[in-house]
């Protein structure tokens, strides 16, 4: 039984899972290309996030200016009403 397991291992399993230098080099080359593509994609994503961040900052600044104008207008309305009703 043990000899049969050894024979199957030697004739089937070891050749199936062993790699030659050429196969390993091809795998490393493929992994390198995939890694390069991922880094390029991450760089593009980082640029997009930076642009979105700047756009969001501009929107927030614009809204803050609008709120300041609204607040100022409400204060004027409050003062006018107090003067009108002599509160």
Protein backbone atom coordinates (compact mmCIF):
# COMPACT_ATOMS: atom_id res chain seq x y z
CA UNK A 1 0.00 0.00 0.00
CA UNK A 2 2.76 2.42 0.94
CA UNK A 3 4.66 1.62 -2.27
CA UNK A 4 1.52 2.36 -4.28
CA UNK A 5 1.10 5.74 -2.56
CA UNK A 6 4.78 6.54 -3.19
CA UNK A 7 4.49 5.56 -6.86
CA UNK A 8 1.36 7.69 -7.39
CA UNK A 9 3.02 10.57 -5.61
CA UNK A 10 6.20 10.27 -7.66
CA UNK A 11 4.50 9.78 -11.04
CA UNK A 12 1.44 12.03 -10.73
CA UNK A 13 1.49 14.48 -7.86
CA UNK A 14 5.09 15.70 -7.89
CA UNK A 15 5.16 16.46 -11.65
CA UNK A 16 1.80 18.20 -11.46
CA UNK A 17 2.87 20.58 -8.68
CA UNK A 18 6.53 21.08 -9.52
CA UNK A 19 7.64 24.12 -11.45
CA UNK A 20 10.49 24.75 -13.82
CA UNK A 21 12.60 27.89 -13.72
CA UNK A 22 10.87 29.13 -16.86
CA UNK A 23 7.44 28.66 -15.29
CA UNK A 24 8.52 30.48 -12.14
CA UNK A 25 10.01 33.32 -14.19
CA UNK A 26 6.79 33.59 -16.21
CA UNK A 27 4.72 33.66 -13.02
CA UNK A 28 6.95 36.36 -11.51
CA UNK A 29 6.72 38.41 -14.70
CA UNK A 30 2.94 38.08 -14.67
CA UNK A 31 2.78 39.06 -11.01
CA UNK A 32 5.02 42.06 -11.70
CA UNK A 33 2.75 43.24 -14.51
CA UNK A 34 -0.33 42.82 -12.34
CA UNK A 35 1.33 44.74 -9.52
CA UNK A 36 2.29 47.54 -11.91
CA UNK A 37 -1.31 47.75 -13.15
CA UNK A 38 -2.59 47.91 -9.58
CA UNK A 39 -0.16 50.71 -8.68
CA UNK A 40 -1.18 52.65 -11.78
CA UNK A 41 -4.85 52.21 -10.85
CA UNK A 42 -4.19 53.34 -7.29
CA UNK A 43 -2.37 56.41 -8.56
CA UNK A 44 -5.38 57.33 -10.71
CA UNK A 45 -7.71 56.75 -7.79
CA UNK A 46 -5.57 58.96 -5.55
CA UNK A 47 -5.73 61.74 -8.14
CA UNK A 48 -9.51 61.40 -8.37
CA UNK A 49 -9.86 61.52 -4.60
CA UNK A 50 -7.73 64.68 -4.48
CA UNK A 51 -9.88 66.36 -7.12
CA UNK A 52 -13.08 65.34 -5.33
CA UNK A 53 -11.67 66.66 -2.06
CA UNK A 54 -10.90 70.05 -3.59
CA UNK A 55 -14.36 70.23 -5.18
CA UNK A 56 -15.99 69.37 -1.85
CA UNK A 57 -13.91 72.02 -0.09
CA UNK A 58 -15.09 74.64 -2.61
CA UNK A 59 -18.73 73.62 -2.11
CA UNK A 60 -18.37 73.85 1.66
CA UNK A 61 -16.79 77.30 1.42
CA UNK A 62 -19.62 78.45 -0.84
CA UNK A 63 -22.25 77.13 1.56
CA UNK A 64 -20.55 78.78 4.51
CA UNK A 65 -20.65 82.12 2.71
CA UNK A 66 -24.36 81.55 1.96
CA UNK A 67 -25.05 80.74 5.62
CA UNK A 68 -23.23 83.87 6.73
CA UNK A 69 -25.40 85.97 4.40
CA UNK A 70 -28.56 84.24 5.65
CA UNK A 71 -27.50 84.74 9.26
CA UNK A 72 -26.80 88.40 8.64
CA UNK A 73 -30.20 88.81 6.96
CA UNK A 74 -31.97 87.12 9.88
CA UNK A 75 -30.22 89.45 12.33
CA UNK A 76 -31.42 92.46 10.34
CA UNK A 77 -34.97 91.09 10.28
CA UNK A 78 -34.80 90.49 14.04
CA UNK A 79 -33.59 94.06 14.68
CA UNK A 80 -36.26 95.50 12.39
CA UNK A 81 -39.00 93.53 14.12
CA UNK A 82 -37.78 94.60 17.55
CA UNK A 83 -37.78 98.23 16.46
CA UNK A 84 -41.19 97.87 14.79
CA UNK A 85 -42.80 96.26 17.82
CA UNK A 86 -40.64 98.26 20.25
CA UNK A 87 -39.46 95.18 22.10
